[in-house]
Protein backbone atom coordinates (compact mmCIF):
# COMPACT_ATOMS: atom_id res chain seq x y z
CA UNK A 1 125.92 115.41 103.38
CA UNK A 2 128.60 117.59 104.87
CA UNK A 3 129.46 121.08 103.59
CA UNK A 4 132.45 119.71 101.64
CA UNK A 5 130.16 117.28 99.76
CA UNK A 6 131.07 114.08 101.61
CA UNK A 7 128.24 111.86 102.82
CA UNK A 8 128.03 110.67 106.36
CA UNK A 9 125.91 107.77 107.67
CA UNK A 10 123.50 109.12 110.26
CA UNK A 11 121.13 106.37 111.41
CA UNK A 12 119.34 103.19 110.48
CA UNK A 13 116.24 101.88 112.21
CA UNK A 14 113.19 99.68 111.66
CA UNK A 15 109.91 101.54 111.54
CA UNK A 16 106.25 100.86 111.24
CA UNK A 17 105.30 101.56 107.62
CA UNK A 18 107.12 104.88 107.54
CA UNK A 19 104.74 106.31 110.10
CA UNK A 20 105.18 109.74 111.64
CA UNK A 21 105.86 108.06 114.97
CA UNK A 22 108.70 105.92 113.56
CA UNK A 23 110.34 108.89 111.84
CA UNK A 24 109.88 111.03 114.95
CA UNK A 25 111.60 108.44 117.10
CA UNK A 26 114.53 108.19 114.68
CA UNK A 27 114.95 111.95 114.29
CA UNK A 28 114.79 112.58 118.04
CA UNK A 29 117.39 109.88 118.62
CA UNK A 30 119.69 111.42 116.02
CA UNK A 31 119.17 114.90 117.48
CA UNK A 32 119.80 113.79 121.08
CA UNK A 33 122.74 111.44 120.41
CA UNK A 34 124.52 114.00 118.27
CA UNK A 35 123.66 116.83 120.66
CA UNK A 36 122.45 119.07 117.86
CA UNK A 37 121.08 122.44 118.80
CA UNK A 38 120.31 123.41 115.21
CA UNK A 39 118.69 121.03 112.73
CA UNK A 40 119.80 120.38 109.16
CA UNK A 41 119.02 123.17 106.71
CA UNK A 42 117.62 120.72 104.13
CA UNK A 43 116.04 117.28 104.35
CA UNK A 44 115.41 115.25 101.18
CA UNK A 45 112.69 112.57 101.03
CA UNK A 46 110.33 110.89 98.63
CA UNK A 47 107.26 112.77 99.82
CA UNK A 48 106.12 110.36 102.55
CA UNK A 49 103.85 112.30 104.89
CA UNK A 50 105.19 110.63 108.04
CA UNK A 51 108.73 111.90 107.41
CA UNK A 52 107.60 115.44 106.65
CA UNK A 53 105.40 115.64 109.75
CA UNK A 54 108.05 114.26 112.07
CA UNK A 55 110.67 116.54 110.55
CA UNK A 56 108.48 119.57 111.20
CA UNK A 57 108.15 118.57 114.87
CA UNK A 58 111.80 117.76 115.54
CA UNK A 59 113.47 120.35 113.27
CA UNK A 60 110.84 123.02 112.54
CA UNK A 61 113.33 125.27 110.73
CA UNK A 62 114.47 122.58 108.30
CA UNK A 63 113.34 122.87 104.69
CA UNK A 64 112.08 119.75 102.97
CA UNK A 65 112.84 118.80 99.40
CA UNK A 66 111.31 116.13 97.25
CA UNK A 67 113.87 113.59 95.97
CA UNK A 68 114.49 113.89 92.22
CA UNK A 69 115.52 110.22 92.00
CA UNK A 70 112.10 109.15 93.26
CA UNK A 71 110.31 111.73 91.13
CA UNK A 72 112.22 110.54 88.05
CA UNK A 73 111.39 106.88 88.77
CA UNK A 74 107.71 107.73 89.18
CA UNK A 75 107.63 109.61 85.88
CA UNK A 76 109.53 106.89 84.00
CA UNK A 77 107.11 104.29 85.37
CA UNK A 78 104.35 106.02 83.36
CA UNK A 79 106.23 105.72 80.06
CA UNK A 80 106.83 102.77 77.72
CA UNK A 81 110.30 101.25 77.94
CA UNK A 82 111.34 102.61 74.56
CA UNK A 83 110.70 106.20 75.65
CA UNK A 84 112.42 105.97 79.04
CA UNK A 85 116.08 106.66 78.11
CA UNK A 86 115.27 109.95 76.34
CA UNK A 87 112.87 111.00 79.11
CA UNK A 88 115.41 110.10 81.79
CA UNK A 89 118.03 112.33 80.12
CA UNK A 90 115.49 115.18 79.92
CA UNK A 91 114.54 114.74 83.61
CA UNK A 92 118.20 114.68 84.63
CA UNK A 93 118.72 117.92 82.73
CA UNK A 94 116.16 119.55 85.04
CA UNK A 95 118.02 118.90 88.28
CA UNK A 96 121.42 119.34 86.66
CA UNK A 97 120.54 122.77 85.27
CA UNK A 98 122.91 125.59 86.17
CA UNK A 99 120.13 127.87 87.43
CA UNK A 100 116.58 127.54 88.65
CA UNK A 101 115.41 129.50 85.63
CA UNK A 102 117.07 126.99 83.28
CA UNK A 103 115.57 124.12 85.26
CA UNK A 104 112.09 125.61 84.98
CA UNK A 105 112.49 126.05 81.21
CA UNK A 106 113.58 122.43 80.80
CA UNK A 107 110.73 121.34 83.06
CA UNK A 108 108.19 123.22 80.91
CA UNK A 109 109.71 121.77 77.74
CA UNK A 110 109.38 118.23 79.15
CA UNK A 111 105.74 118.76 80.05
CA UNK A 112 104.98 120.24 76.63
CA UNK A 113 106.79 117.42 74.81
CA UNK A 114 105.18 114.57 76.73
CA UNK A 115 101.76 116.03 77.60
CA UNK A 116 99.85 114.95 74.47
CA UNK A 117 101.27 111.45 73.99
CA UNK A 118 101.98 110.51 77.64
CA UNK A 119 99.71 112.66 79.84
CA UNK A 120 100.18 110.43 82.88
CA UNK A 121 103.95 111.00 82.78
CA UNK A 122 103.52 114.78 82.50
CA UNK A 123 100.92 114.69 85.26
CA UNK A 124 103.27 112.74 87.55
CA UNK A 125 106.03 115.27 86.98
CA UNK A 126 103.85 118.29 87.63
CA UNK A 127 102.18 116.79 90.69
CA UNK A 128 103.91 118.19 93.78
CA UNK A 129 106.69 119.63 91.64
CA UNK A 130 107.32 122.67 93.86
CA UNK A 131 108.96 120.66 96.70
CA UNK A 132 111.55 119.40 94.19
CA UNK A 133 112.89 122.90 93.53
CA UNK A 134 114.30 123.75 96.94
CA UNK A 135 117.96 123.05 96.23
CA UNK A 136 118.05 123.76 92.53
CA UNK A 137 119.31 127.26 93.25
CA UNK A 138 121.75 126.24 95.98
CA UNK A 139 123.26 123.50 93.80
CA UNK A 140 122.92 120.76 96.41
CA UNK A 141 122.54 117.37 94.80
CA UNK A 142 122.24 114.35 97.02
CA UNK A 143 123.72 112.14 94.34
CA UNK A 144 126.81 114.19 93.59
CA UNK A 145 129.80 115.74 95.34
CA UNK A 146 128.68 119.33 94.77
CA UNK A 147 127.37 121.16 97.85
CA UNK A 148 126.86 124.76 98.71
CA UNK A 149 129.93 126.53 100.07
CA UNK A 150 127.98 129.14 102.00
CA UNK A 151 127.17 126.84 104.89
CA UNK A 152 128.23 128.24 108.25
CA UNK A 153 130.28 126.11 110.61
CA UNK A 154 127.44 125.51 113.10
CA UNK A 155 127.43 122.01 114.54
CA UNK A 156 124.53 120.54 112.63
CA UNK A 157 124.19 118.18 109.69
CA UNK A 158 123.44 120.14 106.52
CA UNK A 159 121.31 117.44 104.93
CA UNK A 160 119.17 114.50 105.99
CA UNK A 161 118.31 112.09 103.20
CA UNK A 162 115.20 109.96 103.80
CA UNK A 163 114.54 107.18 101.36
CA UNK A 164 111.14 105.67 102.06
CA UNK A 165 108.96 103.88 99.47
CA UNK A 166 107.96 105.30 96.09
CA UNK A 167 104.69 107.21 95.90
CA UNK A 168 101.55 105.73 94.36
CA UNK A 169 99.62 106.81 91.31
CA UNK A 170 98.79 110.48 90.85
CA UNK A 171 95.54 112.26 90.04
CA UNK A 172 94.67 115.33 87.99
CA UNK A 173 96.02 116.51 84.69
CA UNK A 174 98.66 119.13 83.90
CA UNK A 175 97.76 119.44 80.23
């Protein structure tokens, strides 16, 4: 995503099961073909380890963020169909919140509301929740036209969006 909020196609490639090697090859190719001295300031992915490891090698200064679309899908998958529309609206309210503080309050309210009846959904939300918060304060949303206006004019892409597979079942309990 560019500083003005427009999205730009960067690359498409076949990889071996989203391995670190496949992601590394793609990211190096993007870096070298676009002659980028500075990496993106934020990269959004579903939490696949291969992407995060390769990103750290190619662009060590880039911050990673967990994709809220994937996180939402994983949480909704733990709920019965009849509960999903209300839960989806509550989850959307988290990443649409005006401030990080508001987002954290909505997050806590969701966990409290769903913890007793649907502990697996609350557990899925709280598992690895911290990586989802990175852009809540900067107002970058990969699914919308809003983007931070404080981006300098350096020649680098501000955001890389990686969309690998959804994560598997989670362990532990938040309740």
